[in-house]
Every structure is written in C-alpha cells, then in structure tokens.
Amino acid sequence: MGFRATWISGSTKEAVGAKFSNNPSIGHMKKKDFGIAGNLGLVYTGIDGLALRGTISQGYRYPSMTQLYLGSNSNGGATTISTLPNSDLEPEKSINYEVGARVDKGPWSMDLALYYTEAKNYIASISCTEAPFGPCAGSINSTNSMYYNQNKSKAYGTELMLSYMIDKYNLKPYMNLTQVNRVNIDRDGAKTKSNSPPLKGRFGFTWEAELDNNKRFYSDVFVNWASKVKASGTSSSTNPGWGTGNITIGIQGGEDHKYDASLSIRNIFDKLYYLRRGGSDPAYGTQIVMSVGYEW
C-alpha cells in the first residue's frame, strides 16, 4: 500500500501559446493544484510457481504544458495548429481495479491481468466543428481541434505477457499483448468509443552473452504493432493496423553490472503510421537513441 501527493504551482509570462488560445489572459496566468493518489494490493504466493494478486489504485494527472498553453502543431508553422490548447483544463482523476496471476514454471513465464478503470475529467481532443466554444470559438481553421475535459471515461481490458527461456542459447522469445475497450462519456451523456487501437502489443526475442572482465552483452529485437482503428458512429474514418521493427543492443559492466550503455534503433524501416484514429500528427519516424546509466 502507499500514496503519492502532487503539488502543482506555475505561472505564464508572455506565453507564445496565447495567440492560439482565444484567451488573452493566458499570457499572465497563475495555476495551483494539489492531488493525492493511493493504492492497495494483496498478493498470494502459497502455491509453488504461482502468484495471485488484486489491486485497487487511484490516479491523478495534471494537464501538460502542451495541453494547457502550447497546443499541438502539425508542421511547425505559426498558423497550422492541429489541436488548440485549453487553459481551463482540469486534472484527470481515476480509479483502477485489477486482478492477475503470474506463473513461473521452468523456462515458461506468464502474467495475465484483467482490469477496469474509471476516469473523471478525462483529457481528450474534440473537433472545433463539434465544439464551437472555448478555444475553438472563432477558430479560423475548421479542421482544428482542441483539448478538453470529457465528463467520464470507462475502460476494461486484458494484458498478457508470455516468455520462454532457452538456457542453452541464452535466448528468450517473448510476447506482450494488450486489449482495451474504452468508452468516453461527454457532459451531455453522449458516448463515443476511443480512437486508440483496441489491440496492440510487442513480440520479439532477447539474447545475452557474458564477456570478459565481468561484462555482459545484451540485445532485444522486437516488433511493436497495433490493430486498425475504426471511427465510432457513422464516420468512415479508419486508420489501418501497423507494425514497426526495432532493435536494442547494450553492454553492462562493473560489479553487479552497475554500468550500462545501450543503442536503440526504433522504427527501423521508417514506417508512417498514426497512433490515434483521426489524428493529424504521424508517429515518429526512424529514431536512434543512445543511453548511459549507473546503478547504485
């Protein structure tokens, strides 16, 4: 069990985002907030190789600077803001219930979880053609959208992790799968489905090798993927499913492998895809990420 307390205090001065918000006071604004989120969990390990668990946890998420003041820009220009900021956003608050089981038998490892989540003031985006108020009022571009608080959001789903260790080759194939059904409920009671993929996951394999001088080489070759996303209602908007190839290699060294250096190449084939149905900003293309760490 535990809890987390969050204090937020901030102010703006001559905020650039003011030109996109239709709120002249955004340039000199002060905001404060305080939130507490707690969690409680029980785990039973009385059966060899099996752990059963149940958890209840709360969530608190304050809007980001992008959502409050800056907005999301599709191409870096000064007038083509795809999602307008909203300085009146309230923080999200949620509660999550989860039951799960973990099995470790020989080379096999499996973790299965079922969850249900309710969120209030869920931060989403809405087209200005559907909400001609707030930051969208007087928008010069009807294709714009804005960040806003939906009344509620309810989600339930399943998470599955499965792996098999081949000791002879230090090779471990694995698979992670997430299935989610989310319904957003607006303040007028209208319900809409989420525009995020209902099914997504990752599969690949890891390989390790012990080197000289207490060093270890490791690698992870994997594919991230997501199913297609259909619009709710009568809209024909659909994003196709996608998959990206990725690789990470690294070396750990020192006593207890406290040193770590790695290189990752993500979306190797520079695939164009969208994380959300109806989104105007494509996901990142090929990325090269280098990291160095020390654990103590």
C-alpha atoms as a PDB file:
ATOM      1  CA  MET A   1       0.000   0.000   0.000  1.00  0.00           C
ATOM      2  CA  GLY A   2       1.096   3.546  -0.500  1.00  0.00           C
ATOM      3  CA  PHE A   3       0.180   7.008  -1.666  1.00  0.00           C
ATOM      4  CA  ARG A   4       1.566   9.836  -3.748  1.00  0.00           C
ATOM      5  CA  ALA A   5       0.951  13.549  -3.229  1.00  0.00           C
ATOM      6  CA  THR A   6       1.334  16.048  -6.075  1.00  0.00           C
ATOM      7  CA  TRP A   7       1.668  19.820  -5.723  1.00  0.00           C
ATOM      8  CA  ILE A   8       1.406  21.960  -8.851  1.00  0.00           C
ATOM      9  CA  SER A   9       2.240  25.660  -8.979  1.00  0.00           C
ATOM     10  CA  GLY A  10       3.025  27.571 -12.140  1.00  0.00           C
ATOM     11  CA  SER A  11       2.611  30.823 -13.998  1.00  0.00           C
ATOM     12  CA  THR A  12       2.954  32.148 -17.526  1.00  0.00           C
ATOM     13  CA  LYS A  13       4.524  35.337 -18.780  1.00  0.00           C
ATOM     14  CA  GLU A  14       4.154  36.416 -22.402  1.00  0.00           C
ATOM     15  CA  ALA A  15       3.166  32.856 -23.349  1.00  0.00           C
ATOM     16  CA  VAL A  16       3.566  32.152 -27.059  1.00  0.00           C
ATOM     17  CA  GLY A  17       0.515  29.895 -26.940  1.00  0.00           C
ATOM     18  CA  ALA A  18      -1.691  32.915 -26.215  1.00  0.00           C
ATOM     19  CA  LYS A  19      -2.009  33.669 -29.920  1.00  0.00           C
ATOM     20  CA  PHE A  20      -3.752  30.318 -30.489  1.00  0.00           C
ATOM     21  CA  SER A  21      -5.992  30.139 -27.421  1.00  0.00           C
ATOM     22  CA  ASN A  22      -8.523  32.974 -27.936  1.00  0.00           C
ATOM     23  CA  ASN A  23      -7.907  33.696 -24.252  1.00  0.00           C
ATOM     24  CA  PRO A  24      -5.935  36.945 -23.835  1.00  0.00           C
ATOM     25  CA  SER A  25      -5.369  36.304 -20.104  1.00  0.00           C
ATOM     26  CA  ILE A  26      -3.251  33.222 -20.832  1.00  0.00           C
ATOM     27  CA  GLY A  27      -0.168  35.420 -21.178  1.00  0.00           C
ATOM     28  CA  HIS A  28      -0.188  36.186 -17.428  1.00  0.00           C
ATOM     29  CA  MET A  29      -1.814  33.308 -15.609  1.00  0.00           C
ATOM     30  CA  LYS A  30      -1.178  31.515 -12.317  1.00  0.00           C
ATOM     31  CA  LYS A  31      -2.344  27.995 -11.524  1.00  0.00           C
ATOM     32  CA  LYS A  32      -2.150  25.852  -8.400  1.00  0.00           C
ATOM     33  CA  ASP A  33      -3.421  22.384  -7.608  1.00  0.00           C
ATOM     34  CA  PHE A  34      -2.957  19.546  -5.138  1.00  0.00           C
ATOM     35  CA  GLY A  35      -3.847  15.876  -5.507  1.00  0.00           C
ATOM     36  CA  ILE A  36      -3.409  12.607  -3.605  1.00  0.00           C
ATOM     37  CA  ALA A  37      -3.464   9.146  -5.192  1.00  0.00           C
ATOM     38  CA  GLY A  38      -3.343   5.945  -3.134  1.00  0.00           C
ATOM     39  CA  ASN A  39      -3.083   2.235  -3.856  1.00  0.00           C
ATOM     40  CA  LEU A  40      -3.697  -1.050  -2.046  1.00  0.00           C
ATOM     41  CA  GLY A  41      -2.714  -4.523  -3.206  1.00  0.00           C
ATOM     42  CA  LEU A  42      -2.732  -8.121  -1.979  1.00  0.00           C
ATOM     43  CA  VAL A  43      -0.554 -10.956  -3.329  1.00  0.00           C
ATOM     44  CA  TYR A  44      -0.928 -14.672  -2.531  1.00  0.00           C
ATOM     45  CA  THR A  45       2.103 -16.939  -3.155  1.00  0.00           C
ATOM     46  CA  GLY A  46       1.054 -20.110  -1.321  1.00  0.00           C
ATOM     47  CA  ILE A  47       1.187 -22.246  -4.469  1.00  0.00           C
ATOM     48  CA  ASP A  48       4.608 -23.067  -5.899  1.00  0.00           C
ATOM     49  CA  GLY A  49       5.295 -21.155  -9.107  1.00  0.00           C
ATOM     50  CA  LEU A  50       2.034 -19.182  -8.896  1.00  0.00           C
ATOM     51  CA  ALA A  51       1.306 -15.670  -7.588  1.00  0.00           C
ATOM     52  CA  LEU A  52      -2.256 -14.324  -7.415  1.00  0.00           C
ATOM     53  CA  ARG A  53      -2.862 -10.615  -6.908  1.00  0.00           C
ATOM     54  CA  GLY A  54      -5.569  -7.995  -6.597  1.00  0.00           C
ATOM     55  CA  THR A  55      -5.039  -4.221  -6.560  1.00  0.00           C
ATOM     56  CA  ILE A  56      -7.007  -1.003  -6.265  1.00  0.00           C
ATOM     57  CA  SER A  57      -5.205   2.182  -7.283  1.00  0.00           C
ATOM     58  CA  GLN A  58      -6.035   5.827  -7.850  1.00  0.00           C
ATOM     59  CA  GLY A  59      -4.609   8.104 -10.491  1.00  0.00           C
ATOM     60  CA  TYR A  60      -4.016  11.854 -10.721  1.00  0.00           C
ATOM     61  CA  ARG A  61      -2.682  13.530 -13.857  1.00  0.00           C
ATOM     62  CA  TYR A  62      -2.315  17.266 -14.287  1.00  0.00           C
ATOM     63  CA  PRO A  63      -2.602  18.647 -17.854  1.00  0.00           C
ATOM     64  CA  SER A  64       0.684  19.120 -19.676  1.00  0.00           C
ATOM     65  CA  MET A  65       2.093  22.450 -20.872  1.00  0.00           C
ATOM     66  CA  THR A  66       1.174  21.407 -24.415  1.00  0.00           C
ATOM     67  CA  GLN A  67      -2.445  20.803 -23.450  1.00  0.00           C
ATOM     68  CA  LEU A  68      -2.761  23.966 -21.337  1.00  0.00           C
ATOM     69  CA  TYR A  69      -0.812  26.599 -23.284  1.00  0.00           C
ATOM     70  CA  LEU A  70       1.041  25.489 -26.408  1.00  0.00           C
ATOM     71  CA  GLY A  71      -1.179  23.230 -28.484  1.00  0.00           C
ATOM     72  CA  SER A  72      -0.081  20.558 -30.949  1.00  0.00           C
ATOM     73  CA  ASN A  73       1.391  21.825 -34.203  1.00  0.00           C
ATOM     74  CA  SER A  74       1.241  19.525 -37.213  1.00  0.00           C
ATOM     75  CA  ASN A  75       4.069  21.041 -39.275  1.00  0.00           C
ATOM     76  CA  GLY A  76       5.819  23.695 -37.194  1.00  0.00           C
ATOM     77  CA  GLY A  77       4.116  26.646 -38.856  1.00  0.00           C
ATOM     78  CA  ALA A  78       2.598  29.549 -36.967  1.00  0.00           C
ATOM     79  CA  THR A  79      -0.998  29.130 -38.169  1.00  0.00           C
ATOM     80  CA  THR A  80      -1.489  25.393 -38.712  1.00  0.00           C
ATOM     81  CA  ILE A  81      -2.212  24.314 -35.145  1.00  0.00           C
ATOM     82  CA  SER A  82      -3.999  20.971 -35.285  1.00  0.00           C
ATOM     83  CA  THR A  83      -5.024  20.837 -31.602  1.00  0.00           C
ATOM     84  CA  LEU A  84      -5.595  24.094 -29.711  1.00  0.00           C
ATOM     85  CA  PRO A  85      -4.542  24.466 -26.043  1.00  0.00           C
ATOM     86  CA  ASN A  86      -7.127  24.956 -23.320  1.00  0.00           C
ATOM     87  CA  SER A  87      -6.034  26.834 -20.186  1.00  0.00           C
ATOM     88  CA  ASP A  88      -9.265  25.819 -18.409  1.00  0.00           C
ATOM     89  CA  LEU A  89      -8.434  22.107 -18.312  1.00  0.00           C
ATOM     90  CA  GLU A  90      -8.914  20.282 -15.019  1.00  0.00           C
ATOM     91  CA  PRO A  91      -6.656  17.405 -13.868  1.00  0.00           C
ATOM     92  CA  GLU A  92      -7.709  13.832 -14.560  1.00  0.00           C
ATOM     93  CA  LYS A  93      -8.644  11.630 -11.601  1.00  0.00           C
ATOM     94  CA  SER A  94      -9.131   7.904 -11.938  1.00  0.00           C
ATOM     95  CA  ILE A  95      -9.520   4.628 -10.056  1.00  0.00           C
ATOM     96  CA  ASN A  96      -8.336   1.259 -11.338  1.00  0.00           C
ATOM     97  CA  TYR A  97      -9.246  -2.281 -10.260  1.00  0.00           C
ATOM     98  CA  GLU A  98      -7.063  -5.197 -11.322  1.00  0.00           C
ATOM     99  CA  VAL A  99      -6.827  -8.939 -10.697  1.00  0.00           C
ATOM    100  CA  GLY A 100      -3.988 -11.002 -12.075  1.00  0.00           C
ATOM    101  CA  ALA A 101      -1.919 -14.156 -11.929  1.00  0.00           C
ATOM    102  CA  ARG A 102       1.744 -14.867 -12.622  1.00  0.00           C
ATOM    103  CA  VAL A 103       3.053 -18.338 -13.419  1.00  0.00           C
ATOM    104  CA  ASP A 104       6.752 -19.290 -13.410  1.00  0.00           C
ATOM    105  CA  LYS A 105       7.286 -22.952 -14.304  1.00  0.00           C
ATOM    106  CA  GLY A 106      10.703 -23.974 -15.568  1.00  0.00           C
ATOM    107  CA  PRO A 107      11.538 -21.977 -18.688  1.00  0.00           C
ATOM    108  CA  TRP A 108       7.973 -20.642 -19.001  1.00  0.00           C
ATOM    109  CA  SER A 109       6.787 -17.342 -17.551  1.00  0.00           C
ATOM    110  CA  MET A 110       3.263 -15.953 -17.960  1.00  0.00           C
ATOM    111  CA  ASP A 111       1.421 -12.978 -16.486  1.00  0.00           C
ATOM    112  CA  LEU A 112      -2.289 -12.378 -17.077  1.00  0.00           C
ATOM    113  CA  ALA A 113      -4.225  -9.364 -15.783  1.00  0.00           C
ATOM    114  CA  LEU A 114      -7.832  -8.174 -16.062  1.00  0.00           C
ATOM    115  CA  TYR A 115      -8.554  -4.525 -15.278  1.00  0.00           C
ATOM    116  CA  TYR A 116     -11.333  -1.944 -15.101  1.00  0.00           C
ATOM    117  CA  THR A 117     -10.726   1.817 -14.943  1.00  0.00           C
ATOM    118  CA  GLU A 118     -12.954   4.855 -14.468  1.00  0.00           C
ATOM    119  CA  ALA A 119     -11.635   8.377 -15.044  1.00  0.00           C
ATOM    120  CA  LYS A 120     -13.214  11.773 -14.420  1.00  0.00           C
ATOM    121  CA  ASN A 121     -12.300  14.902 -16.386  1.00  0.00           C
ATOM    122  CA  TYR A 122     -10.579  12.655 -18.913  1.00  0.00           C
ATOM    123  CA  ILE A 123      -8.395  14.834 -21.162  1.00  0.00           C
ATOM    124  CA  ALA A 124      -9.197  14.215 -24.818  1.00  0.00           C
ATOM    125  CA  SER A 125      -9.490  16.238 -28.015  1.00  0.00           C
ATOM    126  CA  ILE A 126     -12.575  17.269 -29.961  1.00  0.00           C
ATOM    127  CA  SER A 127     -13.056  18.806 -33.394  1.00  0.00           C
ATOM    128  CA  CYS A 128     -13.906  22.514 -33.478  1.00  0.00           C
ATOM    129  CA  THR A 129     -16.765  21.689 -35.828  1.00  0.00           C
ATOM    130  CA  GLU A 130     -18.340  19.667 -32.992  1.00  0.00           C
ATOM    131  CA  ALA A 131     -17.476  22.109 -30.191  1.00  0.00           C
ATOM    132  CA  PRO A 132     -17.513  25.746 -31.370  1.00  0.00           C
ATOM    133  CA  PHE A 133     -16.824  27.098 -27.890  1.00  0.00           C
ATOM    134  CA  GLY A 134     -13.877  27.849 -25.628  1.00  0.00           C
ATOM    135  CA  PRO A 135     -10.579  27.880 -27.558  1.00  0.00           C
ATOM    136  CA  CYS A 136     -12.468  26.758 -30.705  1.00  0.00           C
ATOM    137  CA  ALA A 137     -14.721  29.846 -30.706  1.00  0.00           C
ATOM    138  CA  GLY A 138     -13.847  31.905 -33.755  1.00  0.00           C
ATOM    139  CA  SER A 139     -11.256  29.380 -34.955  1.00  0.00           C
ATOM    140  CA  ILE A 140     -10.057  30.374 -38.416  1.00  0.00           C
ATOM    141  CA  ASN A 141      -9.499  26.758 -39.411  1.00  0.00           C
ATOM    142  CA  SER A 142     -12.492  24.418 -39.183  1.00  0.00           C
ATOM    143  CA  THR A 143     -10.160  21.413 -39.243  1.00  0.00           C
ATOM    144  CA  ASN A 144      -8.714  22.429 -35.876  1.00  0.00           C
ATOM    145  CA  SER A 145      -9.497  20.550 -32.697  1.00  0.00           C
ATOM    146  CA  MET A 146      -8.939  21.425 -29.054  1.00  0.00           C
ATOM    147  CA  TYR A 147      -8.066  19.738 -25.785  1.00  0.00           C
ATOM    148  CA  TYR A 148     -10.975  19.481 -23.352  1.00  0.00           C
ATOM    149  CA  ASN A 149     -12.239  17.530 -20.343  1.00  0.00           C
ATOM    150  CA  GLN A 150     -14.714  14.806 -21.048  1.00  0.00           C
ATOM    151  CA  ASN A 151     -17.079  14.001 -18.208  1.00  0.00           C
ATOM    152  CA  LYS A 152     -16.029  10.379 -17.745  1.00  0.00           C
ATOM    153  CA  SER A 153     -14.098   7.598 -19.386  1.00  0.00           C
ATOM    154  CA  LYS A 154     -14.562   3.903 -18.674  1.00  0.00           C
ATOM    155  CA  ALA A 155     -12.173   1.205 -19.833  1.00  0.00           C
ATOM    156  CA  TYR A 156     -11.732  -2.520 -19.319  1.00  0.00           C
ATOM    157  CA  GLY A 157      -9.378  -4.984 -20.872  1.00  0.00           C
ATOM    158  CA  THR A 158      -6.730  -7.671 -20.619  1.00  0.00           C
ATOM    159  CA  GLU A 159      -2.939  -7.707 -20.524  1.00  0.00           C
ATOM    160  CA  LEU A 160      -0.931 -10.839 -21.285  1.00  0.00           C
ATOM    161  CA  MET A 161       2.834 -11.380 -21.082  1.00  0.00           C
ATOM    162  CA  LEU A 162       4.380 -14.685 -22.141  1.00  0.00           C
ATOM    163  CA  SER A 163       8.033 -15.744 -22.450  1.00  0.00           C
ATOM    164  CA  TYR A 164      10.157 -18.889 -22.775  1.00  0.00           C
ATOM    165  CA  MET A 165      13.832 -19.072 -21.761  1.00  0.00           C
ATOM    166  CA  ILE A 166      16.127 -21.243 -23.893  1.00  0.00           C
ATOM    167  CA  ASP A 167      19.049 -21.592 -21.460  1.00  0.00           C
ATOM    168  CA  LYS A 168      21.323 -23.364 -23.921  1.00  0.00           C
ATOM    169  CA  TYR A 169      21.460 -20.271 -26.151  1.00  0.00           C
ATOM    170  CA  ASN A 170      20.616 -17.531 -23.616  1.00  0.00           C
ATOM    171  CA  LEU A 171      17.683 -16.756 -25.912  1.00  0.00           C
ATOM    172  CA  LYS A 172      14.249 -15.687 -24.704  1.00  0.00           C
ATOM    173  CA  PRO A 173      11.342 -15.263 -27.140  1.00  0.00           C
ATOM    174  CA  TYR A 174       8.523 -13.181 -25.639  1.00  0.00           C
ATOM    175  CA  MET A 175       5.146 -11.633 -26.382  1.00  0.00           C
ATOM    176  CA  ASN A 176       3.183  -8.807 -24.741  1.00  0.00           C
ATOM    177  CA  LEU A 177      -0.466  -8.230 -25.656  1.00  0.00           C
ATOM    178  CA  THR A 178      -2.885  -5.513 -24.515  1.00  0.00           C
ATOM    179  CA  GLN A 179      -6.602  -5.444 -25.317  1.00  0.00           C
ATOM    180  CA  VAL A 180      -8.709  -2.470 -24.230  1.00  0.00           C
ATOM    181  CA  ASN A 181     -12.307  -1.318 -24.652  1.00  0.00           C
ATOM    182  CA  ARG A 182     -12.746   2.352 -23.797  1.00  0.00           C
ATOM    183  CA  VAL A 183     -15.915   4.437 -23.854  1.00  0.00           C
ATOM    184  CA  ASN A 184     -15.822   8.207 -23.307  1.00  0.00           C
ATOM    185  CA  ILE A 185     -18.934   9.826 -21.847  1.00  0.00           C
ATOM    186  CA  ASP A 186     -19.439  13.528 -22.540  1.00  0.00           C
ATOM    187  CA  ARG A 187     -21.196  16.001 -20.268  1.00  0.00           C
ATOM    188  CA  ASP A 188     -24.431  15.646 -22.241  1.00  0.00           C
ATOM    189  CA  GLY A 189     -24.344  11.857 -21.779  1.00  0.00           C
ATOM    190  CA  ALA A 190     -23.208  11.107 -25.326  1.00  0.00           C
ATOM    191  CA  LYS A 191     -20.923   8.063 -25.582  1.00  0.00           C
ATOM    192  CA  THR A 192     -18.070   7.671 -28.044  1.00  0.00           C
ATOM    193  CA  LYS A 193     -15.504   4.927 -28.494  1.00  0.00           C
ATOM    194  CA  SER A 194     -11.820   5.626 -28.021  1.00  0.00           C
ATOM    195  CA  ASN A 195      -9.803   6.485 -31.121  1.00  0.00           C
ATOM    196  CA  SER A 196      -6.825   4.456 -29.862  1.00  0.00           C
ATOM    197  CA  PRO A 197      -6.097   0.916 -31.165  1.00  0.00           C
ATOM    198  CA  PRO A 198      -8.209  -1.693 -29.313  1.00  0.00           C
ATOM    199  CA  LEU A 199      -5.443  -4.273 -29.655  1.00  0.00           C
ATOM    200  CA  LYS A 200      -1.698  -3.663 -29.501  1.00  0.00           C
ATOM    201  CA  GLY A 201       1.404  -5.477 -28.442  1.00  0.00           C
ATOM    202  CA  ARG A 202       5.025  -6.369 -28.829  1.00  0.00           C
ATOM    203  CA  PHE A 203       6.813  -9.577 -29.726  1.00  0.00           C
ATOM    204  CA  GLY A 204      10.466 -10.404 -30.169  1.00  0.00           C
ATOM    205  CA  PHE A 205      13.402 -12.086 -28.508  1.00  0.00           C
ATOM    206  CA  THR A 206      16.281 -11.162 -26.218  1.00  0.00           C
ATOM    207  CA  TRP A 207      19.799 -12.624 -26.279  1.00  0.00           C
ATOM    208  CA  GLU A 208      22.623 -12.229 -23.769  1.00  0.00           C
ATOM    209  CA  ALA A 209      26.292 -13.215 -23.702  1.00  0.00           C
ATOM    210  CA  GLU A 210      28.855 -12.984 -20.913  1.00  0.00           C
ATOM    211  CA  LEU A 211      32.055 -11.180 -21.945  1.00  0.00           C
ATOM    212  CA  ASP A 212      35.466 -10.821 -20.314  1.00  0.00           C
ATOM    213  CA  ASN A 213      36.112  -8.629 -17.242  1.00  0.00           C
ATOM    214  CA  ASN A 214      32.641  -9.023 -15.755  1.00  0.00           C
ATOM    215  CA  LYS A 215      30.878  -7.548 -18.787  1.00  0.00           C
ATOM    216  CA  ARG A 216      27.637  -8.709 -20.375  1.00  0.00           C
ATOM    217  CA  PHE A 217      26.286  -8.032 -23.845  1.00  0.00           C
ATOM    218  CA  TYR A 218      22.528  -7.960 -24.337  1.00  0.00           C
ATOM    219  CA  SER A 219      20.196  -7.415 -27.271  1.00  0.00           C
ATOM    220  CA  ASP A 220      16.470  -7.092 -27.898  1.00  0.00           C
ATOM    221  CA  VAL A 221      14.954  -7.444 -31.373  1.00  0.00           C
ATOM    222  CA  PHE A 222      11.222  -6.766 -31.424  1.00  0.00           C
ATOM    223  CA  VAL A 223       8.171  -5.557 -33.314  1.00  0.00           C
ATOM    224  CA  ASN A 224       5.633  -3.072 -31.935  1.00  0.00           C
ATOM    225  CA  TRP A 225       2.234  -3.400 -33.557  1.00  0.00           C
ATOM    226  CA  ALA A 226      -1.384  -2.242 -33.287  1.00  0.00           C
ATOM    227  CA  SER A 227      -4.673  -3.200 -34.878  1.00  0.00           C
ATOM    228  CA  LYS A 228      -6.677  -0.922 -37.138  1.00  0.00           C
ATOM    229  CA  VAL A 229      -8.897   1.726 -35.571  1.00  0.00           C
ATOM    230  CA  LYS A 230     -12.399   2.427 -36.833  1.00  0.00           C
ATOM    231  CA  ALA A 231     -14.357   5.566 -36.103  1.00  0.00           C
ATOM    232  CA  SER A 232     -17.410   5.285 -33.899  1.00  0.00           C
ATOM    233  CA  GLY A 233     -20.844   6.165 -35.237  1.00  0.00           C
ATOM    234  CA  THR A 234     -21.400   6.704 -38.959  1.00  0.00           C
ATOM    235  CA  SER A 235     -17.974   8.134 -39.775  1.00  0.00           C
ATOM    236  CA  SER A 236     -15.864   6.134 -42.232  1.00  0.00           C
ATOM    237  CA  SER A 237     -12.551   7.327 -40.782  1.00  0.00           C
ATOM    238  CA  THR A 238     -10.194   4.401 -40.259  1.00  0.00           C
ATOM    239  CA  ASN A 239      -6.511   4.004 -39.556  1.00  0.00           C
ATOM    240  CA  PRO A 240      -5.015   0.700 -40.756  1.00  0.00           C
ATOM    241  CA  GLY A 241      -3.072  -1.594 -38.478  1.00  0.00           C
ATOM    242  CA  TRP A 242       0.695  -1.209 -38.384  1.00  0.00           C
ATOM    243  CA  GLY A 243       3.928  -2.778 -37.151  1.00  0.00           C
ATOM    244  CA  THR A 244       7.443  -1.375 -36.686  1.00  0.00           C
ATOM    245  CA  GLY A 245      10.803  -3.128 -36.411  1.00  0.00           C
ATOM    246  CA  ASN A 246      13.135  -2.186 -33.554  1.00  0.00           C
ATOM    247  CA  ILE A 247      16.458  -3.274 -32.071  1.00  0.00           C
ATOM    248  CA  THR A 248      18.371  -2.509 -28.879  1.00  0.00           C
ATOM    249  CA  ILE A 249      21.932  -3.574 -28.086  1.00  0.00           C
ATOM    250  CA  GLY A 250      23.941  -2.786 -24.994  1.00  0.00           C
ATOM    251  CA  ILE A 251      26.737  -3.674 -22.590  1.00  0.00           C
ATOM    252  CA  GLN A 252      26.587  -3.937 -18.800  1.00  0.00           C
ATOM    253  CA  GLY A 253      29.748  -3.950 -16.703  1.00  0.00           C
ATOM    254  CA  GLY A 254      31.336  -3.361 -13.330  1.00  0.00           C
ATOM    255  CA  GLU A 255      30.486  -5.044 -10.051  1.00  0.00           C
ATOM    256  CA  ASP A 256      26.931  -6.462 -10.224  1.00  0.00           C
ATOM    257  CA  HIS A 257      26.664  -4.936 -13.724  1.00  0.00           C
ATOM    258  CA  LYS A 258      26.072  -1.446 -12.385  1.00  0.00           C
ATOM    259  CA  TYR A 259      27.241   0.260 -15.584  1.00  0.00           C
ATOM    260  CA  ASP A 260      25.014   0.224 -18.650  1.00  0.00           C
ATOM    261  CA  ALA A 261      25.411   1.657 -22.165  1.00  0.00           C
ATOM    262  CA  SER A 262      22.936   0.966 -24.966  1.00  0.00           C
ATOM    263  CA  LEU A 263      21.996   1.907 -28.514  1.00  0.00           C
ATOM    264  CA  SER A 264      18.434   1.616 -29.838  1.00  0.00           C
ATOM    265  CA  ILE A 265      17.111   1.983 -33.367  1.00  0.00           C
ATOM    266  CA  ARG A 266      13.349   2.378 -33.394  1.00  0.00           C
ATOM    267  CA  ASN A 267      11.058   2.133 -36.396  1.00  0.00           C
ATOM    268  CA  ILE A 268      13.963   0.847 -38.470  1.00  0.00           C
ATOM    269  CA  PHE A 269      12.048   0.877 -41.759  1.00  0.00           C
ATOM    270  CA  ASP A 270      10.718   4.445 -41.221  1.00  0.00           C
ATOM    271  CA  LYS A 271       7.097   3.347 -41.400  1.00  0.00           C
ATOM    272  CA  LEU A 272       4.422   6.061 -41.487  1.00  0.00           C
ATOM    273  CA  TYR A 273       1.584   5.377 -39.059  1.00  0.00           C
ATOM    274  CA  TYR A 274      -0.812   7.135 -36.696  1.00  0.00           C
ATOM    275  CA  LEU A 275      -1.292   6.283 -33.036  1.00  0.00           C
ATOM    276  CA  ARG A 276      -4.864   7.574 -32.949  1.00  0.00           C
ATOM    277  CA  ARG A 277      -7.713   7.420 -35.430  1.00  0.00           C
ATOM    278  CA  GLY A 278      -8.369  10.869 -36.807  1.00  0.00           C
ATOM    279  CA  GLY A 279      -5.060  12.224 -35.549  1.00  0.00           C
ATOM    280  CA  SER A 280      -3.232  14.588 -37.870  1.00  0.00           C
ATOM    281  CA  ASP A 281       0.233  14.060 -36.370  1.00  0.00           C
ATOM    282  CA  PRO A 282       2.027  10.908 -37.517  1.00  0.00           C
ATOM    283  CA  ALA A 283       4.130   8.954 -35.063  1.00  0.00           C
ATOM    284  CA  TYR A 284       7.876   9.444 -35.075  1.00  0.00           C
ATOM    285  CA  GLY A 285       9.893   8.005 -37.946  1.00  0.00           C
ATOM    286  CA  THR A 286      13.218   6.242 -37.507  1.00  0.00           C
ATOM    287  CA  GLN A 287      14.899   7.195 -34.219  1.00  0.00           C
ATOM    288  CA  ILE A 288      18.368   6.484 -32.848  1.00  0.00           C
ATOM    289  CA  VAL A 289      18.583   6.592 -29.062  1.00  0.00           C
ATOM    290  CA  MET A 290      21.777   6.259 -27.030  1.00  0.00           C
ATOM    291  CA  SER A 291      21.809   5.972 -23.246  1.00  0.00           C
ATOM    292  CA  VAL A 292      24.343   5.566 -20.457  1.00  0.00           C
ATOM    293  CA  GLY A 293      23.466   4.678 -16.881  1.00  0.00           C
ATOM    294  CA  TYR A 294      24.885   3.758 -13.497  1.00  0.00           C
ATOM    295  CA  GLU A 295      23.021   1.996 -10.711  1.00  0.00           C
ATOM    296  CA  TRP A 296      23.879   2.354  -7.045  1.00  0.00           C
END
